[in-house]
Amino acid sequence: MRNKKPYRTYSKFSETLNRKVTFYFFSALKDDEIGPLLIMHDGQNLFDDSKAAYGASWGFIETLNDPSCPRLRVLGISNTGTMEGRLDEYSPFIRDSFLEEGLDRPCGGKGDLYLSYLMNEVLPHYREKYPISQVYMGGSSMGGIITLAALLSYPDELSGAFGLSNAWWFSEEPLLERIHQFKGILPKFYMDTGTIESDDPIINQGYLNSHEIIGNALNEIPHNEIKRELIEGAIHYEKDWAARLLGVLIWLIR
């Protein structure tokens, strides 16, 4: 095993987001060793099953200790801890309501502010502490929306990104508009969805349809590499994302 050190955490109140943010950090590199940094959303779900929202983590430490995994640093950013707050920060686009989850109020719309916080406040701090060669970003579900939004807004700062089980359907139309308005070259991007993302057949079909629609739109703009995968039998769960993580990192950061 490469690194038996536990991940590190610390919390800080963000005036920008008006909430406490907890950072989860794990490195397969020495402090003075140059290498890539991967920024991850839903940081509380990355390392420790006992602290993960649904009882299973992404298993990042096990993946990073695999000899075939690229050596990198991982920085997890905690979500707000509530469904409503997570929807607000992980989508740049306001949605009138989300009645499917019992939310009868506008949601979303804080995604660009959240990304500005990551890229202009958090990232410079870590660049001062560690020699970072490239910056990548990753997420799942709503985290896929905010990850793609980051690629579209900060293509010169990010070397690539990935989104698993992406909830594109949550804000499909405004996301398509942002893709069509994009000027530049999209960095390397991996995107996938499982064939059983939801027990509700209508919502599940929404995942499948939007995977195709967003993927086709991305292929129409200038881009580096885009990899699209449909994962047979995969469900919307951290254990399934953990099973795909190593292959995604090898493809993205090779």
Protein backbone atom coordinates (compact mmCIF):
# COMPACT_ATOMS: atom_id res chain seq x y z
CA MET A 1 0.00 0.00 0.00
CA ARG A 2 1.44 3.37 -1.00
CA ASN A 3 0.05 5.55 1.75
CA LYS A 4 -1.42 4.49 5.07
CA LYS A 5 -1.90 8.03 6.37
CA PRO A 6 -5.50 8.96 7.15
CA TYR A 7 -7.15 11.74 5.24
CA ARG A 8 -7.13 15.17 6.88
CA THR A 9 -10.10 17.41 7.58
CA TYR A 10 -10.60 20.97 8.69
CA SER A 11 -13.55 23.35 8.64
CA LYS A 12 -13.82 27.04 7.91
CA PHE A 13 -16.71 29.46 7.61
CA SER A 14 -17.08 30.87 4.11
CA GLU A 15 -18.39 34.42 3.86
CA THR A 16 -18.95 33.82 0.16
CA LEU A 17 -21.22 30.81 0.66
CA ASN A 18 -22.48 31.93 4.09
CA ARG A 19 -21.90 28.49 5.59
CA LYS A 20 -19.29 26.31 7.20
CA VAL A 21 -17.25 24.34 4.68
CA THR A 22 -15.40 21.18 5.65
CA PHE A 23 -12.40 20.15 3.56
CA TYR A 24 -11.34 16.51 3.20
CA PHE A 25 -7.79 16.07 1.93
CA PHE A 26 -5.78 12.99 1.04
CA SER A 27 -2.51 12.84 -0.86
CA ALA A 28 -0.62 9.99 -2.48
CA LEU A 29 2.25 12.47 -2.95
CA LYS A 30 4.83 13.97 -0.62
CA ASP A 31 4.12 17.58 0.35
CA ASP A 32 6.91 18.90 -1.90
CA GLU A 33 6.18 16.52 -4.80
CA ILE A 34 4.60 18.02 -7.89
CA GLY A 35 1.44 16.35 -9.14
CA PRO A 36 -2.24 16.79 -10.02
CA LEU A 37 -5.03 17.93 -7.70
CA LEU A 38 -8.54 16.51 -8.00
CA ILE A 39 -11.31 18.66 -6.51
CA MET A 40 -14.39 16.63 -5.56
CA HIS A 41 -17.89 17.70 -4.54
CA ASP A 42 -19.83 15.94 -1.73
CA GLY A 43 -16.57 15.67 0.19
CA GLN A 44 -18.11 13.88 3.18
CA ASN A 45 -18.82 10.86 0.97
CA LEU A 46 -15.32 10.25 -0.37
CA PHE A 47 -13.27 8.42 2.23
CA ASP A 48 -15.15 6.98 5.18
CA ASP A 49 -18.22 4.73 5.05
CA SER A 50 -19.21 5.71 8.58
CA LYS A 51 -19.41 9.40 7.65
CA ALA A 52 -20.96 9.00 4.20
CA ALA A 53 -24.54 10.13 3.73
CA TYR A 54 -25.84 6.72 2.63
CA GLY A 55 -23.50 4.38 4.49
CA ALA A 56 -20.96 3.86 1.70
CA SER A 57 -18.11 6.04 0.49
CA TRP A 58 -16.33 6.35 -2.85
CA GLY A 59 -13.42 4.35 -1.40
CA PHE A 60 -10.91 6.95 -2.53
CA ILE A 61 -8.07 5.84 -0.26
CA GLU A 62 -8.28 2.26 -1.51
CA THR A 63 -8.36 3.48 -5.11
CA LEU A 64 -5.42 5.86 -4.70
CA ASN A 65 -3.39 3.07 -3.12
CA ASP A 66 -3.90 0.82 -6.13
CA PRO A 67 -0.54 0.58 -7.96
CA SER A 68 -2.19 1.35 -11.30
CA CYS A 69 -3.84 4.58 -10.08
CA PRO A 70 -2.28 7.92 -11.05
CA ARG A 71 -0.60 9.53 -8.06
CA LEU A 72 -2.48 12.66 -7.06
CA ARG A 73 -3.96 14.77 -4.30
CA VAL A 74 -7.71 14.74 -3.62
CA LEU A 75 -9.56 17.66 -2.06
CA GLY A 76 -13.18 17.05 -1.11
CA ILE A 77 -15.49 19.99 -0.45
CA SER A 78 -18.44 19.29 1.83
CA ASN A 79 -21.93 19.95 0.57
CA THR A 80 -24.36 21.98 2.66
CA GLY A 81 -25.72 18.94 4.46
CA THR A 82 -29.28 19.47 3.21
CA MET A 83 -30.97 18.46 -0.02
CA GLU A 84 -32.18 22.01 -0.61
CA GLY A 85 -28.78 23.60 -0.09
CA ARG A 86 -27.07 21.01 -2.26
CA LEU A 87 -29.48 21.66 -5.13
CA ASP A 88 -28.89 25.40 -4.79
CA GLU A 89 -25.09 25.17 -4.92
CA TYR A 90 -24.74 22.40 -7.48
CA SER A 91 -26.76 24.07 -10.23
CA PRO A 92 -26.05 27.51 -11.70
CA PHE A 93 -29.60 27.56 -13.00
CA ILE A 94 -32.78 28.35 -11.06
CA ARG A 95 -35.57 25.79 -11.27
CA ASP A 96 -39.04 26.89 -10.17
CA SER A 97 -39.58 23.86 -7.93
CA PHE A 98 -38.58 20.25 -7.43
CA LEU A 99 -41.86 18.62 -6.53
CA GLU A 100 -40.42 15.15 -7.20
CA GLU A 101 -38.54 15.59 -3.91
CA GLY A 102 -41.25 17.61 -2.15
CA LEU A 103 -39.51 20.95 -2.64
CA ASP A 104 -42.12 23.57 -3.51
CA ARG A 105 -39.80 26.55 -3.91
CA PRO A 106 -37.26 27.78 -6.45
CA CYS A 107 -33.99 25.86 -6.21
CA GLY A 108 -30.59 26.06 -7.85
CA GLY A 109 -28.98 29.28 -8.97
CA LYS A 110 -25.97 29.44 -6.62
CA GLY A 111 -23.69 27.23 -8.70
CA ASP A 112 -21.63 30.00 -10.27
CA LEU A 113 -21.02 31.54 -6.84
CA TYR A 114 -19.94 28.15 -5.50
CA LEU A 115 -17.54 27.66 -8.42
CA SER A 116 -16.09 31.13 -7.95
CA TYR A 117 -15.41 30.24 -4.32
CA LEU A 118 -13.63 27.02 -5.34
CA MET A 119 -11.57 28.50 -8.15
CA ASN A 120 -10.76 31.93 -6.73
CA GLU A 121 -10.51 31.28 -2.98
CA VAL A 122 -9.89 27.59 -2.28
CA LEU A 123 -7.66 26.65 -5.22
CA PRO A 124 -5.16 29.54 -4.78
CA HIS A 125 -4.71 28.49 -1.14
CA TYR A 126 -3.78 24.95 -2.16
CA ARG A 127 -1.52 26.18 -4.94
CA GLU A 128 0.42 28.09 -2.30
CA LYS A 129 0.75 24.98 -0.11
CA TYR A 130 1.57 22.33 -2.73
CA PRO A 131 3.25 22.14 -6.16
CA ILE A 132 0.23 21.38 -8.35
CA SER A 133 0.78 20.39 -11.98
CA GLN A 134 -2.83 20.12 -13.19
CA VAL A 135 -6.27 20.60 -11.66
CA TYR A 136 -9.15 18.19 -12.25
CA MET A 137 -12.69 18.10 -10.91
CA GLY A 138 -15.24 15.36 -10.35
CA GLY A 139 -18.70 14.67 -9.00
CA SER A 140 -21.83 12.58 -9.31
CA SER A 141 -25.52 13.25 -9.86
CA MET A 142 -26.01 16.99 -9.18
CA GLY A 143 -22.24 17.08 -8.74
CA GLY A 144 -21.99 16.25 -12.43
CA ILE A 145 -23.94 19.39 -13.33
CA ILE A 146 -21.66 21.68 -11.35
CA THR A 147 -18.57 19.86 -12.66
CA LEU A 148 -19.56 20.40 -16.28
CA ALA A 149 -20.44 24.01 -15.46
CA ALA A 150 -16.90 24.39 -14.11
CA LEU A 151 -15.39 23.05 -17.34
CA LEU A 152 -17.48 25.49 -19.36
CA SER A 153 -16.60 28.45 -17.11
CA TYR A 154 -12.94 27.68 -16.33
CA PRO A 155 -11.57 25.75 -19.34
CA ASP A 156 -8.12 27.31 -18.99
CA GLU A 157 -7.78 26.43 -15.29
CA LEU A 158 -8.98 22.81 -15.47
CA SER A 159 -7.18 20.01 -17.30
CA GLY A 160 -10.19 17.72 -17.23
CA ALA A 161 -13.15 16.44 -15.23
CA PHE A 162 -15.59 13.60 -14.77
CA GLY A 163 -19.25 13.22 -13.89
CA LEU A 164 -20.91 9.94 -12.91
CA SER A 165 -24.66 9.25 -12.94
CA ASN A 166 -25.22 12.85 -13.95
CA ALA A 167 -28.57 14.48 -13.19
CA TRP A 168 -28.52 16.55 -16.38
CA TRP A 169 -32.32 16.38 -16.53
CA PHE A 170 -32.55 18.67 -13.48
CA SER A 171 -31.51 21.69 -15.58
CA GLU A 172 -31.16 20.30 -19.09
CA GLU A 173 -32.38 23.27 -21.14
CA PRO A 174 -30.24 26.02 -19.52
CA LEU A 175 -27.27 23.65 -19.48
CA LEU A 176 -27.69 23.07 -23.22
CA GLU A 177 -27.84 26.82 -23.75
CA ARG A 178 -24.58 27.29 -21.85
CA ILE A 179 -22.94 24.54 -23.91
CA HIS A 180 -24.05 26.18 -27.15
CA GLN A 181 -22.74 29.57 -25.98
CA PHE A 182 -19.34 28.16 -24.99
CA LYS A 183 -16.33 29.74 -26.66
CA GLY A 184 -13.10 27.83 -26.38
CA ILE A 185 -11.98 24.21 -26.23
CA LEU A 186 -13.62 21.95 -23.68
CA PRO A 187 -11.05 20.10 -21.55
CA LYS A 188 -11.01 16.31 -21.31
CA PHE A 189 -14.30 14.98 -19.91
CA TYR A 190 -15.64 11.60 -18.83
CA MET A 191 -19.39 11.17 -18.37
CA ASP A 192 -21.52 8.13 -17.67
CA THR A 193 -24.88 6.95 -16.43
CA GLY A 194 -26.16 3.62 -15.18
CA THR A 195 -29.12 1.86 -16.70
CA ILE A 196 -30.91 1.70 -13.31
CA GLU A 197 -30.38 5.18 -11.85
CA SER A 198 -33.89 5.25 -10.38
CA ASP A 199 -36.67 2.84 -9.48
CA ASP A 200 -39.07 5.36 -11.02
CA PRO A 201 -39.17 4.54 -14.75
CA ILE A 202 -39.88 8.15 -15.73
CA ILE A 203 -36.93 9.54 -13.75
CA ASN A 204 -34.70 6.69 -14.93
CA GLN A 205 -35.55 7.47 -18.54
CA GLY A 206 -34.73 11.09 -17.81
CA TYR A 207 -31.19 10.06 -16.87
CA LEU A 208 -30.81 8.00 -20.04
CA ASN A 209 -32.30 10.62 -22.37
CA SER A 210 -30.33 13.52 -20.94
CA HIS A 211 -27.10 11.49 -21.06
CA GLU A 212 -27.60 11.21 -24.80
CA ILE A 213 -28.71 14.82 -25.32
CA ILE A 214 -25.93 16.46 -23.30
CA GLY A 215 -23.30 14.12 -24.72
CA ASN A 216 -24.33 14.93 -28.29
CA ALA A 217 -24.26 18.66 -27.55
CA LEU A 218 -20.74 18.43 -26.10
CA ASN A 219 -19.52 16.57 -29.16
CA GLU A 220 -20.68 19.49 -31.32
CA ILE A 221 -18.39 22.05 -29.65
CA PRO A 222 -14.58 22.16 -29.83
CA HIS A 223 -13.26 19.69 -27.28
CA ASN A 224 -10.26 17.68 -26.21
CA GLU A 225 -11.46 14.14 -25.48
CA ILE A 226 -14.94 13.12 -24.37
CA LYS A 227 -15.72 9.62 -23.17
CA ARG A 228 -19.36 8.59 -22.75
CA GLU A 229 -20.32 5.35 -21.06
CA LEU A 230 -23.63 3.62 -20.37
CA ILE A 231 -23.06 1.28 -17.42
CA GLU A 232 -25.33 -1.75 -17.62
CA GLY A 233 -27.05 -2.57 -14.33
CA ALA A 234 -25.43 0.30 -12.40
CA ILE A 235 -27.51 2.13 -9.80
CA HIS A 236 -27.35 5.58 -8.21
CA TYR A 237 -25.07 4.75 -5.29
CA GLU A 238 -21.57 5.46 -4.01
CA LYS A 239 -20.55 1.78 -4.13
CA ASP A 240 -21.26 1.73 -7.84
CA TRP A 241 -19.28 4.93 -8.35
CA ALA A 242 -16.42 3.48 -6.29
CA ALA A 243 -16.32 0.47 -8.61
CA ARG A 244 -15.84 2.76 -11.63
CA LEU A 245 -13.46 5.26 -10.02
CA LEU A 246 -10.11 3.63 -10.78
CA GLY A 247 -10.83 3.25 -14.48
CA VAL A 248 -12.07 6.83 -14.70
CA LEU A 249 -8.93 8.23 -13.05
CA ILE A 250 -6.63 6.16 -15.25
CA TRP A 251 -8.39 7.44 -18.38
CA LEU A 252 -8.59 11.05 -17.20
CA ILE A 253 -5.10 11.52 -15.76
CA ARG A 254 -3.01 9.19 -17.88
